[in-house]
Amino acid sequence: MITLTRLNDTRFVINADLIRTVEERPDTTIVLINGETFIVKESMEAVVAKAIEYARTVRAFKP
């Protein structure tokens, strides 16, 4: 799970495993595998970095 910020400054958590695409249009837009869309304040690079860190953390806990 990664924490992100909506354009109205509310924070929320999203399951990074469900992210299909991340684009800058110019706002950062995240599309999940179910088609749900979120627009966030973080840059595309920041979202990708958070998703990578999340994946590394999950893999570190697996035997």
PDB file of N, CA and C in Angstrom:
ATOM      1  N   MET A   1       0.845  -1.177   0.000  1.00  0.00           N
ATOM      2  CA  MET A   1       0.000   0.000   0.000  1.00  0.00           C
ATOM      3  C   MET A   1       0.890   1.239   0.000  1.00  0.00           C
ATOM      4  N   ILE A   2       0.489   2.249  -0.764  1.00  0.00           N
ATOM      5  CA  ILE A   2       1.242   3.500  -0.800  1.00  0.00           C
ATOM      6  C   ILE A   2       0.297   4.662  -0.474  1.00  0.00           C
ATOM      7  N   THR A   3       0.840   5.658   0.191  1.00  0.00           N
ATOM      8  CA  THR A   3       0.067   6.834   0.573  1.00  0.00           C
ATOM      9  C   THR A   3       0.264   7.931  -0.463  1.00  0.00           C
ATOM     10  N   LEU A   4      -0.849   8.491  -0.929  1.00  0.00           N
ATOM     11  CA  LEU A   4      -0.821   9.554  -1.937  1.00  0.00           C
ATOM     12  C   LEU A   4      -1.727  10.700  -1.497  1.00  0.00           C
ATOM     13  N   THR A   5      -1.681  11.808  -2.242  1.00  0.00           N
ATOM     14  CA  THR A   5      -2.450  13.002  -1.900  1.00  0.00           C
ATOM     15  C   THR A   5      -3.309  13.427  -3.078  1.00  0.00           C
ATOM     16  N   ARG A   6      -4.612  13.552  -2.830  1.00  0.00           N
ATOM     17  CA  ARG A   6      -5.524  14.060  -3.866  1.00  0.00           C
ATOM     18  C   ARG A   6      -5.265  15.554  -4.080  1.00  0.00           C
ATOM     19  N   LEU A   7      -5.826  16.122  -5.118  1.00  0.00           N
ATOM     20  CA  LEU A   7      -5.633  17.540  -5.409  1.00  0.00           C
ATOM     21  C   LEU A   7      -6.222  18.445  -4.330  1.00  0.00           C
ATOM     22  N   ASN A   8      -7.199  17.934  -3.557  1.00  0.00           N
ATOM     23  CA  ASN A   8      -7.794  18.738  -2.482  1.00  0.00           C
ATOM     24  C   ASN A   8      -7.060  18.546  -1.139  1.00  0.00           C
ATOM     25  N   ASP A   9      -5.852  17.979  -1.209  1.00  0.00           N
ATOM     26  CA  ASP A   9      -4.966  17.772  -0.060  1.00  0.00           C
ATOM     27  C   ASP A   9      -5.382  16.647   0.880  1.00  0.00           C
ATOM     28  N   THR A  10      -6.374  15.840   0.531  1.00  0.00           N
ATOM     29  CA  THR A  10      -6.701  14.697   1.374  1.00  0.00           C
ATOM     30  C   THR A  10      -5.778  13.543   0.990  1.00  0.00           C
ATOM     31  N   ARG A  11      -5.315  12.853   2.015  1.00  0.00           N
ATOM     32  CA  ARG A  11      -4.411  11.720   1.793  1.00  0.00           C
ATOM     33  C   ARG A  11      -5.219  10.433   1.758  1.00  0.00           C
ATOM     34  N   PHE A  12      -4.751   9.480   0.964  1.00  0.00           N
ATOM     35  CA  PHE A  12      -5.402   8.179   0.889  1.00  0.00           C
ATOM     36  C   PHE A  12      -4.344   7.125   0.578  1.00  0.00           C
ATOM     37  N   VAL A  13      -4.740   5.879   0.764  1.00  0.00           N
ATOM     38  CA  VAL A  13      -3.829   4.757   0.540  1.00  0.00           C
ATOM     39  C   VAL A  13      -4.366   3.929  -0.613  1.00  0.00           C
ATOM     40  N   ILE A  14      -3.473   3.512  -1.481  1.00  0.00           N
ATOM     41  CA  ILE A  14      -3.863   2.719  -2.645  1.00  0.00           C
ATOM     42  C   ILE A  14      -2.989   1.464  -2.697  1.00  0.00           C
ATOM     43  N   ASN A  15      -3.561   0.384  -3.163  1.00  0.00           N
ATOM     44  CA  ASN A  15      -2.808  -0.855  -3.319  1.00  0.00           C
ATOM     45  C   ASN A  15      -1.986  -0.747  -4.603  1.00  0.00           C
ATOM     46  N   ALA A  16      -0.678  -0.672  -4.452  1.00  0.00           N
ATOM     47  CA  ALA A  16       0.203  -0.469  -5.600  1.00  0.00           C
ATOM     48  C   ALA A  16       0.146  -1.640  -6.584  1.00  0.00           C
ATOM     49  N   ASP A  17      -0.241  -2.818  -6.115  1.00  0.00           N
ATOM     50  CA  ASP A  17      -0.340  -3.978  -7.004  1.00  0.00           C
ATOM     51  C   ASP A  17      -1.467  -3.837  -8.019  1.00  0.00           C
ATOM     52  N   LEU A  18      -2.394  -2.928  -7.781  1.00  0.00           N
ATOM     53  CA  LEU A  18      -3.545  -2.756  -8.675  1.00  0.00           C
ATOM     54  C   LEU A  18      -3.345  -1.662  -9.721  1.00  0.00           C
ATOM     55  N   ILE A  19      -2.198  -1.001  -9.708  1.00  0.00           N
ATOM     56  CA  ILE A  19      -1.946   0.094 -10.661  1.00  0.00           C
ATOM     57  C   ILE A  19      -1.669  -0.470 -12.048  1.00  0.00           C
ATOM     58  N   ARG A  20      -2.437   0.021 -13.022  1.00  0.00           N
ATOM     59  CA  ARG A  20      -2.216  -0.359 -14.422  1.00  0.00           C
ATOM     60  C   ARG A  20      -1.303   0.660 -15.098  1.00  0.00           C
ATOM     61  N   THR A  21      -1.653   1.967 -14.972  1.00  0.00           N
ATOM     62  CA  THR A  21      -0.834   3.004 -15.597  1.00  0.00           C
ATOM     63  C   THR A  21      -0.722   4.215 -14.695  1.00  0.00           C
ATOM     64  N   VAL A  22       0.359   4.966 -14.888  1.00  0.00           N
ATOM     65  CA  VAL A  22       0.556   6.262 -14.242  1.00  0.00           C
ATOM     66  C   VAL A  22       0.987   7.213 -15.347  1.00  0.00           C
ATOM     67  N   GLU A  23       0.258   8.320 -15.490  1.00  0.00           N
ATOM     68  CA  GLU A  23       0.553   9.288 -16.551  1.00  0.00           C
ATOM     69  C   GLU A  23       0.543  10.703 -15.987  1.00  0.00           C
ATOM     70  N   GLU A  24       1.233  11.603 -16.674  1.00  0.00           N
ATOM     71  CA  GLU A  24       1.144  13.031 -16.351  1.00  0.00           C
ATOM     72  C   GLU A  24       0.411  13.696 -17.507  1.00  0.00           C
ATOM     73  N   ARG A  25      -0.778  14.300 -17.192  1.00  0.00           N
ATOM     74  CA  ARG A  25      -1.631  14.852 -18.260  1.00  0.00           C
ATOM     75  C   ARG A  25      -2.096  16.270 -18.050  1.00  0.00           C
ATOM     76  N   PRO A  26      -1.611  17.237 -17.491  1.00  0.00           N
ATOM     77  CA  PRO A  26      -0.344  17.374 -16.784  1.00  0.00           C
ATOM     78  C   PRO A  26      -0.399  16.865 -15.345  1.00  0.00           C
ATOM     79  N   ASP A  27      -1.616  16.764 -14.739  1.00  0.00           N
ATOM     80  CA  ASP A  27      -1.677  16.209 -13.382  1.00  0.00           C
ATOM     81  C   ASP A  27      -1.392  14.710 -13.444  1.00  0.00           C
ATOM     82  N   THR A  28      -0.836  14.185 -12.374  1.00  0.00           N
ATOM     83  CA  THR A  28      -0.528  12.756 -12.331  1.00  0.00           C
ATOM     84  C   THR A  28      -1.825  11.972 -12.186  1.00  0.00           C
ATOM     85  N   THR A  29      -2.072  11.093 -13.137  1.00  0.00           N
ATOM     86  CA  THR A  29      -3.288  10.301 -13.182  1.00  0.00           C
ATOM     87  C   THR A  29      -2.923   8.826 -13.065  1.00  0.00           C
ATOM     88  N   ILE A  30      -3.568   8.158 -12.110  1.00  0.00           N
ATOM     89  CA  ILE A  30      -3.335   6.734 -11.884  1.00  0.00           C
ATOM     90  C   ILE A  30      -4.592   5.985 -12.307  1.00  0.00           C
ATOM     91  N   VAL A  31      -4.416   4.956 -13.121  1.00  0.00           N
ATOM     92  CA  VAL A  31      -5.524   4.108 -13.526  1.00  0.00           C
ATOM     93  C   VAL A  31      -5.262   2.716 -12.967  1.00  0.00           C
ATOM     94  N   LEU A  32      -6.254   2.182 -12.258  1.00  0.00           N
ATOM     95  CA  LEU A  32      -6.135   0.847 -11.687  1.00  0.00           C
ATOM     96  C   LEU A  32      -6.598  -0.209 -12.689  1.00  0.00           C
ATOM     97  N   ILE A  33      -6.324  -1.465 -12.390  1.00  0.00           N
ATOM     98  CA  ILE A  33      -6.687  -2.542 -13.311  1.00  0.00           C
ATOM     99  C   ILE A  33      -8.202  -2.671 -13.481  1.00  0.00           C
ATOM    100  N   ASN A  34      -8.981  -2.138 -12.520  1.00  0.00           N
ATOM    101  CA  ASN A  34     -10.441  -2.184 -12.653  1.00  0.00           C
ATOM    102  C   ASN A  34     -10.999  -0.948 -13.377  1.00  0.00           C
ATOM    103  N   GLY A  35     -10.116  -0.060 -13.837  1.00  0.00           N
ATOM    104  CA  GLY A  35     -10.531   1.127 -14.575  1.00  0.00           C
ATOM    105  C   GLY A  35     -10.731   2.361 -13.716  1.00  0.00           C
ATOM    106  N   GLU A  36     -10.695   2.221 -12.393  1.00  0.00           N
ATOM    107  CA  GLU A  36     -10.859   3.371 -11.504  1.00  0.00           C
ATOM    108  C   GLU A  36      -9.669   4.319 -11.676  1.00  0.00           C
ATOM    109  N   THR A  37      -9.957   5.627 -11.658  1.00  0.00           N
ATOM    110  CA  THR A  37      -8.933   6.640 -11.909  1.00  0.00           C
ATOM    111  C   THR A  37      -8.778   7.558 -10.701  1.00  0.00           C
ATOM    112  N   PHE A  38      -7.530   7.904 -10.405  1.00  0.00           N
ATOM    113  CA  PHE A  38      -7.215   8.840  -9.327  1.00  0.00           C
ATOM    114  C   PHE A  38      -6.266   9.898  -9.868  1.00  0.00           C
ATOM    115  N   ILE A  39      -6.500  11.153  -9.493  1.00  0.00           N
ATOM    116  CA  ILE A  39      -5.589  12.240  -9.834  1.00  0.00           C
ATOM    117  C   ILE A  39      -4.926  12.678  -8.533  1.00  0.00           C
ATOM    118  N   VAL A  40      -3.589  12.711  -8.541  1.00  0.00           N
ATOM    119  CA  VAL A  40      -2.844  12.978  -7.314  1.00  0.00           C
ATOM    120  C   VAL A  40      -1.841  14.110  -7.509  1.00  0.00           C
ATOM    121  N   LYS A  41      -1.389  14.661  -6.364  1.00  0.00           N
ATOM    122  CA  LYS A  41      -0.415  15.758  -6.392  1.00  0.00           C
ATOM    123  C   LYS A  41       1.010  15.286  -6.676  1.00  0.00           C
ATOM    124  N   GLU A  42       1.316  14.050  -6.274  1.00  0.00           N
ATOM    125  CA  GLU A  42       2.667  13.542  -6.451  1.00  0.00           C
ATOM    126  C   GLU A  42       3.021  13.428  -7.935  1.00  0.00           C
ATOM    127  N   SER A  43       4.289  13.557  -8.245  1.00  0.00           N
ATOM    128  CA  SER A  43       4.736  13.407  -9.630  1.00  0.00           C
ATOM    129  C   SER A  43       4.673  11.941 -10.037  1.00  0.00           C
ATOM    130  N   MET A  44       4.715  11.699 -11.334  1.00  0.00           N
ATOM    131  CA  MET A  44       4.724  10.340 -11.835  1.00  0.00           C
ATOM    132  C   MET A  44       5.931   9.588 -11.270  1.00  0.00           C
ATOM    133  N   GLU A  45       7.078  10.239 -11.236  1.00  0.00           N
ATOM    134  CA  GLU A  45       8.291   9.612 -10.720  1.00  0.00           C
ATOM    135  C   GLU A  45       8.146   9.235  -9.246  1.00  0.00           C
ATOM    136  N   ALA A  46       7.493  10.093  -8.466  1.00  0.00           N
ATOM    137  CA  ALA A  46       7.294   9.810  -7.039  1.00  0.00           C
ATOM    138  C   ALA A  46       6.359   8.620  -6.838  1.00  0.00           C
ATOM    139  N   VAL A  47       5.310   8.532  -7.638  1.00  0.00           N
ATOM    140  CA  VAL A  47       4.376   7.402  -7.534  1.00  0.00           C
ATOM    141  C   VAL A  47       5.108   6.103  -7.890  1.00  0.00           C
ATOM    142  N   VAL A  48       5.882   6.127  -8.958  1.00  0.00           N
ATOM    143  CA  VAL A  48       6.628   4.936  -9.364  1.00  0.00           C
ATOM    144  C   VAL A  48       7.624   4.542  -8.277  1.00  0.00           C
ATOM    145  N   ALA A  49       8.321   5.516  -7.703  1.00  0.00           N
ATOM    146  CA  ALA A  49       9.286   5.223  -6.635  1.00  0.00           C
ATOM    147  C   ALA A  49       8.597   4.601  -5.427  1.00  0.00           C
ATOM    148  N   LYS A  50       7.431   5.110  -5.063  1.00  0.00           N
ATOM    149  CA  LYS A  50       6.686   4.545  -3.932  1.00  0.00           C
ATOM    150  C   LYS A  50       6.236   3.119  -4.241  1.00  0.00           C
ATOM    151  N   ALA A  51       5.794   2.878  -5.463  1.00  0.00           N
ATOM    152  CA  ALA A  51       5.350   1.539  -5.851  1.00  0.00           C
ATOM    153  C   ALA A  51       6.520   0.556  -5.830  1.00  0.00           C
ATOM    154  N   ILE A  52       7.673   0.992  -6.293  1.00  0.00           N
ATOM    155  CA  ILE A  52       8.859   0.128  -6.272  1.00  0.00           C
ATOM    156  C   ILE A  52       9.268  -0.176  -4.843  1.00  0.00           C
ATOM    157  N   GLU A  53       9.284   0.826  -3.990  1.00  0.00           N
ATOM    158  CA  GLU A  53       9.641   0.616  -2.586  1.00  0.00           C
ATOM    159  C   GLU A  53       8.656  -0.330  -1.909  1.00  0.00           C
ATOM    160  N   TYR A  54       7.382  -0.183  -2.207  1.00  0.00           N
ATOM    161  CA  TYR A  54       6.365  -1.077  -1.668  1.00  0.00           C
ATOM    162  C   TYR A  54       6.651  -2.515  -2.102  1.00  0.00           C
ATOM    163  N   ALA A  55       6.933  -2.720  -3.381  1.00  0.00           N
ATOM    164  CA  ALA A  55       7.196  -4.073  -3.891  1.00  0.00           C
ATOM    165  C   ALA A  55       8.433  -4.672  -3.236  1.00  0.00           C
ATOM    166  N   ARG A  56       9.456  -3.870  -3.050  1.00  0.00           N
ATOM    167  CA  ARG A  56      10.671  -4.361  -2.382  1.00  0.00           C
ATOM    168  C   ARG A  56      10.377  -4.768  -0.945  1.00  0.00           C
ATOM    169  N   THR A  57       9.574  -3.985  -0.264  1.00  0.00           N
ATOM    170  CA  THR A  57       9.218  -4.295   1.118  1.00  0.00           C
ATOM    171  C   THR A  57       8.424  -5.593   1.197  1.00  0.00           C
ATOM    172  N   VAL A  58       7.477  -5.774   0.301  1.00  0.00           N
ATOM    173  CA  VAL A  58       6.671  -6.994   0.288  1.00  0.00           C
ATOM    174  C   VAL A  58       7.552  -8.214   0.018  1.00  0.00           C
ATOM    175  N   ARG A  59       8.443  -8.117  -0.946  1.00  0.00           N
ATOM    176  CA  ARG A  59       9.319  -9.242  -1.267  1.00  0.00           C
ATOM    177  C   ARG A  59      10.286  -9.561  -0.141  1.00  0.00           C
ATOM    178  N   ALA A  60      10.689  -8.561   0.633  1.00  0.00           N
ATOM    179  CA  ALA A  60      11.632  -8.777   1.729  1.00  0.00           C
ATOM    180  C   ALA A  60      11.016  -9.624   2.827  1.00  0.00           C
ATOM    181  N   PHE A  61       9.694  -9.616   2.963  1.00  0.00           N
ATOM    182  CA  PHE A  61       9.023 -10.366   4.029  1.00  0.00           C
ATOM    183  C   PHE A  61       8.661 -11.797   3.611  1.00  0.00           C
ATOM    184  N   LYS A  62       8.814 -12.135   2.344  1.00  0.00           N
ATOM    185  CA  LYS A  62       8.468 -13.482   1.890  1.00  0.00           C
ATOM    186  C   LYS A  62       9.643 -14.424   2.156  1.00  0.00           C
ATOM    187  N   PRO A  63       9.332 -15.642   2.622  1.00  0.00           N
ATOM    188  CA  PRO A  63      10.414 -16.620   2.916  1.00  0.00           C
ATOM    189  C   PRO A  63      11.088 -17.140   1.679  1.00  0.00           C
TER     190      PRO A  63
END
